[in-house]
Amino acid sequence: MFPFEIDEASDVPLWVQLRNRIAYLINDGYFKPGDKLPTVRGLASEISINYNTVNKAYLSLVSDGYLESTRGRGVFVTDMAAQEGGEGRAEVEAVLDECIASCREMGMDYDDIEHAMSRKIKRLKHEEARERGEVAARIIDFEKSAVRTAKEA
């Protein structure tokens, strides 16, 4: 039996409810990488909803990388950890944890850290774009401009 109940009181469309439930079950470990999910028709019949509703949920999960669909074989849970780089991902997490811990020791809260990191990334992107010649930034000093204009008049 597939663990899903329709929330009739919810404003969330049924296909989104189903999609979110399957994603939750994958993230929670109920479904493991390589597990075969029921066919679209089979699941639609089992939980008594329209075939197109299940198909839309499955397509969304395929698009987001949770599922793989192979014509004639079925729908399988993907190994998202392997797709994200596995070990390399753990190293990135460790570096970020260290950075955040250092910022916290300096008295920053999580929002301050997030804003500082966002500003830094924007500056780095801008600098890279400038180096590639994609940004021609000019800083105008309005005070000097106004003084020059007054002197010329």
Protein backbone atom coordinates (compact mmCIF):
# COMPACT_ATOMS: atom_id res chain seq x y z
CA MET A 1 0.00 0.00 0.00
CA PHE A 2 1.37 3.39 -1.04
CA PRO A 3 1.55 5.78 1.97
CA PHE A 4 -0.48 8.73 0.71
CA GLU A 5 -3.70 10.41 1.79
CA ILE A 6 -5.40 13.25 -0.06
CA ASP A 7 -5.84 16.38 2.04
CA GLU A 8 -9.28 17.49 0.86
CA ALA A 9 -9.13 20.68 2.97
CA SER A 10 -5.88 21.85 1.37
CA ASP A 11 -5.69 24.50 -1.35
CA VAL A 12 -2.58 22.74 -2.70
CA PRO A 13 -3.35 20.99 -6.00
CA LEU A 14 -3.56 17.20 -5.75
CA TRP A 15 -0.60 16.58 -8.06
CA VAL A 16 1.56 18.86 -5.86
CA GLN A 17 0.41 17.03 -2.72
CA LEU A 18 1.42 13.73 -4.32
CA ARG A 19 4.71 15.13 -5.62
CA ASN A 20 5.61 16.55 -2.20
CA ARG A 21 4.73 13.30 -0.45
CA ILE A 22 6.89 11.21 -2.79
CA ALA A 23 9.79 13.68 -2.43
CA TYR A 24 9.40 13.50 1.35
CA LEU A 25 9.41 9.69 1.28
CA ILE A 26 12.59 9.71 -0.82
CA ASN A 27 14.34 12.27 1.41
CA ASP A 28 13.23 10.40 4.53
CA GLY A 29 14.65 7.11 3.26
CA TYR A 30 11.34 5.27 2.82
CA PHE A 31 12.25 4.92 -0.87
CA LYS A 32 15.92 4.13 -1.50
CA PRO A 33 18.01 4.86 -4.61
CA GLY A 34 17.18 2.24 -7.24
CA ASP A 35 13.72 1.42 -5.81
CA LYS A 36 11.07 0.98 -8.47
CA LEU A 37 7.92 3.02 -7.95
CA PRO A 38 4.49 1.85 -9.04
CA THR A 39 3.52 2.57 -12.64
CA VAL A 40 1.51 5.71 -13.25
CA ARG A 41 -1.61 3.65 -13.97
CA GLY A 42 -0.97 1.35 -11.03
CA LEU A 43 -0.54 4.18 -8.53
CA ALA A 44 -3.54 6.07 -9.93
CA SER A 45 -5.65 2.97 -9.43
CA GLU A 46 -4.22 2.21 -5.98
CA ILE A 47 -4.88 5.66 -4.51
CA SER A 48 -8.00 6.33 -6.61
CA ILE A 49 -6.90 9.46 -8.46
CA ASN A 50 -6.66 10.40 -12.11
CA TYR A 51 -3.85 8.97 -14.24
CA ASN A 52 -2.89 12.49 -15.45
CA THR A 53 -2.50 13.69 -11.84
CA VAL A 54 0.02 10.94 -11.05
CA ASN A 55 1.78 11.48 -14.37
CA LYS A 56 2.18 15.22 -13.64
CA ALA A 57 3.63 14.49 -10.19
CA TYR A 58 6.07 11.92 -11.62
CA LEU A 59 7.15 14.28 -14.42
CA SER A 60 7.85 17.01 -11.87
CA LEU A 61 9.95 14.61 -9.77
CA VAL A 62 11.86 13.46 -12.86
CA SER A 63 12.51 17.11 -13.73
CA ASP A 64 13.81 17.77 -10.20
CA GLY A 65 16.11 14.74 -10.28
CA TYR A 66 14.28 12.58 -7.73
CA LEU A 67 13.15 9.98 -10.25
CA GLU A 68 14.35 8.40 -13.50
CA SER A 69 11.86 7.13 -16.02
CA THR A 70 12.93 4.44 -18.47
CA ARG A 71 10.43 3.55 -21.18
CA GLY A 72 9.42 -0.06 -20.84
CA ARG A 73 11.24 -0.54 -17.51
CA GLY A 74 9.49 1.86 -15.15
CA VAL A 75 10.17 4.71 -12.76
CA PHE A 76 13.09 4.47 -10.32
CA VAL A 77 14.39 6.56 -7.44
CA THR A 78 17.68 8.24 -8.38
CA ASP A 79 20.75 8.40 -6.18
CA MET A 80 20.72 12.13 -5.51
CA ALA A 81 23.85 12.01 -3.34
CA ALA A 82 25.83 10.53 -6.23
CA GLN A 83 24.45 13.17 -8.59
CA GLU A 84 25.47 15.99 -6.24
CA GLY A 85 29.06 14.83 -6.09
CA GLY A 86 28.94 12.70 -2.92
CA GLU A 87 32.35 13.17 -1.26
CA GLY A 88 33.01 16.58 -2.79
CA ARG A 89 29.70 17.73 -1.42
CA ALA A 90 30.75 16.70 2.09
CA GLU A 91 33.96 18.74 1.76
CA VAL A 92 32.00 21.82 0.68
CA GLU A 93 29.64 21.35 3.64
CA ALA A 94 32.62 21.13 6.00
CA VAL A 95 34.16 24.34 4.64
CA LEU A 96 30.83 26.17 4.91
CA ASP A 97 30.31 24.89 8.46
CA GLU A 98 33.75 26.19 9.42
CA CYS A 99 33.07 29.59 7.83
CA ILE A 100 29.70 29.94 9.54
CA ALA A 101 31.18 28.89 12.90
CA SER A 102 33.91 31.55 12.53
CA CYS A 103 31.33 34.23 11.74
CA ARG A 104 29.22 33.17 14.73
CA GLU A 105 32.31 33.47 16.98
CA MET A 106 32.64 37.06 15.74
CA GLY A 107 29.09 37.71 17.01
CA MET A 108 27.19 37.56 13.71
CA ASP A 109 23.74 36.02 13.58
CA TYR A 110 22.64 33.76 10.71
CA ASP A 111 20.89 36.57 8.81
CA ASP A 112 24.01 38.76 9.00
CA ILE A 113 26.13 35.87 7.70
CA GLU A 114 23.70 35.22 4.86
CA HIS A 115 23.67 38.90 3.81
CA ALA A 116 27.46 39.22 4.04
CA MET A 117 27.95 36.07 1.97
CA SER A 118 25.41 37.24 -0.61
CA ARG A 119 27.12 40.66 -0.93
CA LYS A 120 30.52 38.99 -1.31
CA ILE A 121 29.30 36.64 -4.03
CA LYS A 122 27.68 39.54 -5.92
CA ARG A 123 30.96 41.50 -5.76
CA LEU A 124 32.94 38.48 -7.00
CA LYS A 125 30.53 37.92 -9.88
CA HIS A 126 30.75 41.60 -10.81
CA GLU A 127 34.56 41.54 -10.73
CA GLU A 128 34.67 38.44 -12.93
CA ALA A 129 32.23 40.00 -15.39
CA ARG A 130 34.35 43.16 -15.47
CA GLU A 131 37.51 41.11 -16.14
CA ARG A 132 35.74 39.43 -19.08
CA GLY A 133 34.76 42.87 -20.39
CA GLU A 134 31.07 42.23 -19.88
CA VAL A 135 30.61 45.16 -17.48
CA ALA A 136 31.66 48.69 -18.18
CA ALA A 137 31.03 50.34 -14.83
CA ARG A 138 31.53 54.05 -14.38
CA ILE A 139 31.26 55.76 -11.05
CA ILE A 140 30.02 59.30 -11.25
CA ASP A 141 30.83 61.64 -8.41
CA PHE A 142 27.88 64.02 -8.53
CA GLU A 143 29.45 66.53 -6.12
CA LYS A 144 32.57 67.03 -8.26
CA SER A 145 30.40 67.12 -11.36
CA ALA A 146 28.25 69.88 -9.87
CA VAL A 147 31.33 71.89 -8.79
CA ARG A 148 32.85 71.58 -12.28
CA THR A 149 29.59 72.71 -13.88
CA ALA A 150 29.32 75.70 -11.51
CA LYS A 151 32.93 76.76 -12.28
CA GLU A 152 32.35 76.52 -16.02
CA ALA A 153 29.23 78.73 -15.84
